[in-house]
Amino acid sequence: MTDNRDQGLETRRKQLEAELAGVRKQAADEQGSERRAEESRKGYAMAMKLSSEFIAAIVVGAILGYLFDHFVGTAPWGMIILLLLGFCAGVLNVLRSAGLVAKPHPSDRQPGHK
């Protein structure tokens, strides 16, 4: 009777190990797919950040140029120049955010530093 019971327990243990191995494999697959989805979301967030920084710089340049032209009366030159400066600032911001251009070192900003 004891041998029959031990054999039944051993059979049950092997079944449980097989089921547990299947569950672990499924959990690992889900974790891998979640990791890929998270990387995709990070890429989308970075793209939205870069595009919004670029567009914001252009819009700010255009608005400042319009206001400059309106108050000084130099239409359309203020808007053209500040729009181009906004475009350049947007490109520089995107390159900095992407890591292609280094940000200035804080010690370079001190007056009298050469």
N, C-alpha and C. Protein backbone atom coordinates (compact mmCIF):
# COMPACT_ATOMS: atom_id res chain seq x y z
N MET A 1 0.82 -1.19 0.00
CA MET A 1 0.00 0.00 0.00
C MET A 1 0.87 1.26 0.00
N THR A 2 1.95 1.20 0.76
CA THR A 2 2.83 2.35 0.84
C THR A 2 3.50 2.59 -0.50
N ASP A 3 3.89 1.51 -1.18
CA ASP A 3 4.52 1.67 -2.49
C ASP A 3 3.55 2.27 -3.50
N ASN A 4 2.30 1.84 -3.44
CA ASN A 4 1.28 2.36 -4.35
C ASN A 4 1.04 3.85 -4.09
N ARG A 5 1.01 4.20 -2.81
CA ARG A 5 0.81 5.60 -2.44
C ARG A 5 2.00 6.45 -2.87
N ASP A 6 3.23 5.95 -2.64
CA ASP A 6 4.44 6.68 -3.04
C ASP A 6 4.49 6.84 -4.56
N GLN A 7 4.08 5.79 -5.25
CA GLN A 7 4.08 5.86 -6.72
C GLN A 7 3.05 6.89 -7.20
N GLY A 8 1.90 6.94 -6.57
CA GLY A 8 0.88 7.93 -6.92
C GLY A 8 1.35 9.35 -6.64
N LEU A 9 2.03 9.53 -5.51
CA LEU A 9 2.56 10.86 -5.17
C LEU A 9 3.65 11.26 -6.17
N GLU A 10 4.50 10.32 -6.55
CA GLU A 10 5.56 10.60 -7.50
C GLU A 10 4.98 10.97 -8.87
N THR A 11 3.93 10.27 -9.27
CA THR A 11 3.26 10.59 -10.54
C THR A 11 2.64 11.98 -10.47
N ARG A 12 2.01 12.29 -9.39
CA ARG A 12 1.39 13.61 -9.22
C ARG A 12 2.44 14.71 -9.20
N ARG A 13 3.60 14.45 -8.54
CA ARG A 13 4.68 15.43 -8.50
C ARG A 13 5.22 15.70 -9.91
N LYS A 14 5.37 14.67 -10.71
CA LYS A 14 5.86 14.84 -12.08
C LYS A 14 4.86 15.64 -12.93
N GLN A 15 3.57 15.37 -12.72
CA GLN A 15 2.54 16.14 -13.44
C GLN A 15 2.59 17.62 -13.05
N LEU A 16 2.72 17.86 -11.75
CA LEU A 16 2.78 19.24 -11.28
C LEU A 16 4.04 19.95 -11.79
N GLU A 17 5.17 19.25 -11.84
CA GLU A 17 6.40 19.85 -12.38
C GLU A 17 6.23 20.20 -13.86
N ALA A 18 5.56 19.33 -14.61
CA ALA A 18 5.33 19.60 -16.04
C ALA A 18 4.42 20.81 -16.20
N GLU A 19 3.37 20.89 -15.40
CA GLU A 19 2.46 22.04 -15.48
C GLU A 19 3.17 23.32 -15.07
N LEU A 20 3.98 23.24 -14.03
CA LEU A 20 4.72 24.40 -13.56
C LEU A 20 5.73 24.87 -14.61
N ALA A 21 6.37 23.95 -15.29
CA ALA A 21 7.31 24.32 -16.35
C ALA A 21 6.57 25.03 -17.48
N GLY A 22 5.37 24.57 -17.82
CA GLY A 22 4.57 25.23 -18.85
C GLY A 22 4.16 26.64 -18.44
N VAL A 23 3.77 26.79 -17.19
CA VAL A 23 3.37 28.11 -16.69
C VAL A 23 4.57 29.06 -16.67
N ARG A 24 5.73 28.55 -16.27
CA ARG A 24 6.93 29.38 -16.25
C ARG A 24 7.32 29.82 -17.66
N LYS A 25 7.22 28.91 -18.63
CA LYS A 25 7.54 29.25 -20.01
C LYS A 25 6.57 30.31 -20.53
N GLN A 26 5.30 30.16 -20.22
CA GLN A 26 4.30 31.13 -20.65
C GLN A 26 4.57 32.49 -20.00
N ALA A 27 4.93 32.51 -18.73
CA ALA A 27 5.23 33.78 -18.04
C ALA A 27 6.46 34.44 -18.65
N ALA A 28 7.47 33.66 -19.02
CA ALA A 28 8.66 34.22 -19.64
C ALA A 28 8.33 34.81 -21.01
N ASP A 29 7.47 34.15 -21.77
CA ASP A 29 7.05 34.67 -23.07
C ASP A 29 6.29 35.98 -22.92
N GLU A 30 5.39 36.05 -21.95
CA GLU A 30 4.63 37.27 -21.71
C GLU A 30 5.55 38.41 -21.26
N GLN A 31 6.54 38.07 -20.45
CA GLN A 31 7.47 39.09 -19.98
C GLN A 31 8.30 39.63 -21.14
N GLY A 32 8.70 38.76 -22.06
CA GLY A 32 9.45 39.20 -23.23
C GLY A 32 8.61 40.10 -24.13
N SER A 33 7.35 39.75 -24.34
CA SER A 33 6.49 40.59 -25.17
C SER A 33 6.20 41.92 -24.49
N GLU A 34 6.09 41.93 -23.18
CA GLU A 34 5.86 43.18 -22.44
C GLU A 34 7.10 44.07 -22.54
N ARG A 35 8.27 43.48 -22.50
CA ARG A 35 9.51 44.25 -22.62
C ARG A 35 9.60 44.90 -24.00
N ARG A 36 9.24 44.15 -25.06
CA ARG A 36 9.25 44.71 -26.40
C ARG A 36 8.22 45.83 -26.54
N ALA A 37 7.06 45.66 -25.94
CA ALA A 37 6.03 46.70 -26.00
C ALA A 37 6.48 47.95 -25.25
N GLU A 38 7.18 47.77 -24.14
CA GLU A 38 7.66 48.93 -23.38
C GLU A 38 8.72 49.69 -24.17
N GLU A 39 9.59 48.98 -24.86
CA GLU A 39 10.59 49.65 -25.71
C GLU A 39 9.92 50.42 -26.83
N SER A 40 8.86 49.87 -27.37
CA SER A 40 8.11 50.55 -28.43
C SER A 40 7.46 51.82 -27.90
N ARG A 41 6.90 51.75 -26.70
CA ARG A 41 6.28 52.93 -26.09
C ARG A 41 7.33 54.00 -25.80
N LYS A 42 8.50 53.59 -25.37
CA LYS A 42 9.56 54.56 -25.11
C LYS A 42 9.98 55.27 -26.39
N GLY A 43 10.06 54.53 -27.48
CA GLY A 43 10.42 55.13 -28.76
C GLY A 43 9.36 56.11 -29.22
N TYR A 44 8.09 55.76 -29.03
CA TYR A 44 7.00 56.65 -29.42
C TYR A 44 7.03 57.92 -28.57
N ALA A 45 7.29 57.77 -27.28
CA ALA A 45 7.36 58.94 -26.39
C ALA A 45 8.51 59.85 -26.79
N MET A 46 9.64 59.26 -27.15
CA MET A 46 10.79 60.08 -27.57
C MET A 46 10.47 60.81 -28.88
N ALA A 47 9.80 60.14 -29.80
CA ALA A 47 9.43 60.79 -31.06
C ALA A 47 8.47 61.95 -30.82
N MET A 48 7.51 61.77 -29.93
CA MET A 48 6.57 62.85 -29.61
C MET A 48 7.30 64.02 -28.95
N LYS A 49 8.24 63.72 -28.06
CA LYS A 49 9.00 64.77 -27.39
C LYS A 49 9.82 65.57 -28.39
N LEU A 50 10.53 64.88 -29.26
CA LEU A 50 11.38 65.56 -30.24
C LEU A 50 10.56 66.41 -31.20
N SER A 51 9.45 65.86 -31.68
CA SER A 51 8.64 66.62 -32.63
C SER A 51 7.97 67.82 -31.96
N SER A 52 7.54 67.67 -30.72
CA SER A 52 6.91 68.81 -30.05
C SER A 52 7.93 69.90 -29.74
N GLU A 53 9.15 69.52 -29.38
CA GLU A 53 10.19 70.54 -29.15
C GLU A 53 10.51 71.29 -30.44
N PHE A 54 10.59 70.58 -31.53
CA PHE A 54 10.91 71.19 -32.81
C PHE A 54 9.81 72.17 -33.24
N ILE A 55 8.57 71.72 -33.17
CA ILE A 55 7.44 72.56 -33.59
C ILE A 55 7.29 73.76 -32.66
N ALA A 56 7.50 73.55 -31.35
CA ALA A 56 7.37 74.66 -30.40
C ALA A 56 8.39 75.75 -30.68
N ALA A 57 9.61 75.37 -31.01
CA ALA A 57 10.64 76.37 -31.29
C ALA A 57 10.28 77.18 -32.53
N ILE A 58 9.74 76.54 -33.55
CA ILE A 58 9.35 77.25 -34.76
C ILE A 58 8.18 78.19 -34.48
N VAL A 59 7.20 77.71 -33.73
CA VAL A 59 6.02 78.54 -33.42
C VAL A 59 6.42 79.74 -32.57
N VAL A 60 7.28 79.54 -31.59
CA VAL A 60 7.73 80.66 -30.75
C VAL A 60 8.48 81.68 -31.59
N GLY A 61 9.34 81.21 -32.49
CA GLY A 61 10.06 82.13 -33.38
C GLY A 61 9.11 82.92 -34.25
N ALA A 62 8.09 82.26 -34.79
CA ALA A 62 7.12 82.96 -35.64
C ALA A 62 6.32 83.99 -34.85
N ILE A 63 5.89 83.63 -33.65
CA ILE A 63 5.11 84.56 -32.83
C ILE A 63 5.96 85.77 -32.42
N LEU A 64 7.18 85.52 -32.00
CA LEU A 64 8.06 86.64 -31.63
C LEU A 64 8.35 87.53 -32.83
N GLY A 65 8.54 86.93 -34.00
CA GLY A 65 8.76 87.71 -35.21
C GLY A 65 7.56 88.55 -35.58
N TYR A 66 6.38 87.98 -35.44
CA TYR A 66 5.15 88.72 -35.73
C TYR A 66 5.00 89.91 -34.78
N LEU A 67 5.22 89.64 -33.49
CA LEU A 67 5.11 90.72 -32.51
C LEU A 67 6.17 91.79 -32.75
N PHE A 68 7.37 91.39 -33.08
CA PHE A 68 8.43 92.35 -33.39
C PHE A 68 8.05 93.22 -34.58
N ASP A 69 7.54 92.59 -35.64
CA ASP A 69 7.11 93.34 -36.82
C ASP A 69 5.94 94.27 -36.50
N HIS A 70 5.02 93.80 -35.68
CA HIS A 70 3.84 94.59 -35.35
C HIS A 70 4.21 95.86 -34.58
N PHE A 71 5.13 95.74 -33.62
CA PHE A 71 5.46 96.90 -32.79
C PHE A 71 6.54 97.79 -33.41
N VAL A 72 7.44 97.21 -34.18
CA VAL A 72 8.53 98.00 -34.75
C VAL A 72 8.20 98.44 -36.17
N GLY A 73 7.39 97.69 -36.88
CA GLY A 73 6.98 98.04 -38.23
C GLY A 73 7.99 97.62 -39.29
N THR A 74 8.64 96.52 -39.09
CA THR A 74 9.65 96.05 -40.05
C THR A 74 9.15 94.88 -40.88
N ALA A 75 7.85 94.77 -41.05
CA ALA A 75 7.27 93.60 -41.72
C ALA A 75 7.89 93.41 -43.10
N PRO A 76 8.14 92.24 -43.52
CA PRO A 76 8.08 90.90 -42.93
C PRO A 76 9.43 90.43 -42.41
N TRP A 77 10.42 91.32 -42.31
CA TRP A 77 11.78 90.90 -42.01
C TRP A 77 11.94 90.33 -40.61
N GLY A 78 11.31 90.89 -39.63
CA GLY A 78 11.42 90.36 -38.27
C GLY A 78 10.89 88.95 -38.17
N MET A 79 9.75 88.72 -38.83
CA MET A 79 9.17 87.38 -38.78
C MET A 79 10.04 86.39 -39.53
N ILE A 80 10.58 86.78 -40.66
CA ILE A 80 11.43 85.86 -41.43
C ILE A 80 12.67 85.48 -40.63
N ILE A 81 13.33 86.48 -40.07
CA ILE A 81 14.58 86.22 -39.33
C ILE A 81 14.31 85.40 -38.08
N LEU A 82 13.31 85.78 -37.30
CA LEU A 82 13.03 85.04 -36.07
C LEU A 82 12.44 83.66 -36.35
N LEU A 83 11.74 83.49 -37.46
CA LEU A 83 11.26 82.17 -37.85
C LEU A 83 12.44 81.26 -38.17
N LEU A 84 13.41 81.79 -38.89
CA LEU A 84 14.61 81.00 -39.19
C LEU A 84 15.41 80.69 -37.93
N LEU A 85 15.51 81.66 -37.03
CA LEU A 85 16.19 81.41 -35.76
C LEU A 85 15.44 80.35 -34.93
N GLY A 86 14.11 80.39 -34.97
CA GLY A 86 13.31 79.37 -34.28
C GLY A 86 13.54 77.99 -34.89
N PHE A 87 13.65 77.94 -36.21
CA PHE A 87 13.93 76.68 -36.88
C PHE A 87 15.30 76.14 -36.45
N CYS A 88 16.30 77.00 -36.42
CA CYS A 88 17.64 76.59 -35.99
C CYS A 88 17.64 76.13 -34.53
N ALA A 89 16.93 76.85 -33.70
CA ALA A 89 16.84 76.46 -32.29
C ALA A 89 16.14 75.11 -32.14
N GLY A 90 15.11 74.88 -32.95
CA GLY A 90 14.41 73.59 -32.92
C GLY A 90 15.30 72.45 -33.34
N VAL A 91 16.08 72.66 -34.40
CA VAL A 91 17.01 71.62 -34.85
C VAL A 91 18.06 71.35 -33.78
N LEU A 92 18.59 72.39 -33.17
CA LEU A 92 19.59 72.23 -32.11
C LEU A 92 18.99 71.48 -30.91
N ASN A 93 17.77 71.80 -30.52
CA ASN A 93 17.12 71.10 -29.41
C ASN A 93 16.93 69.62 -29.72
N VAL A 94 16.52 69.31 -30.94
CA VAL A 94 16.32 67.92 -31.33
C VAL A 94 17.66 67.17 -31.31
N LEU A 95 18.70 67.79 -31.83
CA LEU A 95 20.01 67.14 -31.83
C LEU A 95 20.53 66.94 -30.41
N ARG A 96 20.29 67.89 -29.53
CA ARG A 96 20.70 67.74 -28.13
C ARG A 96 19.92 66.62 -27.45
N SER A 97 18.62 66.58 -27.67
CA SER A 97 17.79 65.54 -27.05
C SER A 97 18.15 64.16 -27.56
N ALA A 98 18.51 64.08 -28.83
CA ALA A 98 18.88 62.79 -29.41
C ALA A 98 20.29 62.38 -29.01
N GLY A 99 21.05 63.30 -28.41
CA GLY A 99 22.38 62.98 -27.96
C GLY A 99 23.45 63.13 -29.02
N LEU A 100 23.13 63.79 -30.12
CA LEU A 100 24.10 63.97 -31.19
C LEU A 100 24.97 65.20 -30.99
N VAL A 101 24.50 66.14 -30.17
CA VAL A 101 25.25 67.35 -29.86
C VAL A 101 25.34 67.43 -28.35
N ALA A 102 26.53 67.67 -27.85
CA ALA A 102 26.72 67.75 -26.40
C ALA A 102 26.16 69.06 -25.86
N LYS A 103 25.60 68.99 -24.67
CA LYS A 103 25.12 70.19 -24.00
C LYS A 103 26.34 70.96 -23.47
N PRO A 104 26.26 72.28 -23.42
CA PRO A 104 27.41 73.04 -22.92
C PRO A 104 27.69 72.72 -21.46
N HIS A 105 28.95 72.67 -21.13
CA HIS A 105 29.37 72.38 -19.75
C HIS A 105 29.08 73.60 -18.88
N PRO A 106 28.60 73.42 -17.65
CA PRO A 106 28.26 74.56 -16.80
C PRO A 106 29.44 75.51 -16.55
N SER A 107 30.64 75.00 -16.51
CA SER A 107 31.79 75.88 -16.27
C SER A 107 32.05 76.79 -17.47
N ASP A 108 31.56 76.42 -18.65
CA ASP A 108 31.72 77.28 -19.83
C ASP A 108 30.81 78.49 -19.79
N ARG A 109 29.81 78.48 -18.94
CA ARG A 109 28.85 79.57 -18.86
C ARG A 109 29.29 80.67 -17.90
N GLN A 110 30.33 80.44 -17.13
CA GLN A 110 30.77 81.43 -16.16
C GLN A 110 31.43 82.60 -16.87
N PRO A 111 31.15 83.81 -16.41
CA PRO A 111 31.77 84.98 -17.05
C PRO A 111 33.29 84.97 -16.85
N GLY A 112 34.02 85.37 -17.87
CA GLY A 112 35.45 85.45 -17.79
C GLY A 112 36.16 84.13 -17.99
N HIS A 113 35.42 83.06 -18.29
CA HIS A 113 36.04 81.75 -18.51
C HIS A 113 36.48 81.63 -19.95
N LYS A 114 37.71 81.21 -20.17
CA LYS A 114 38.22 81.07 -21.54
C LYS A 114 38.67 79.68 -21.81
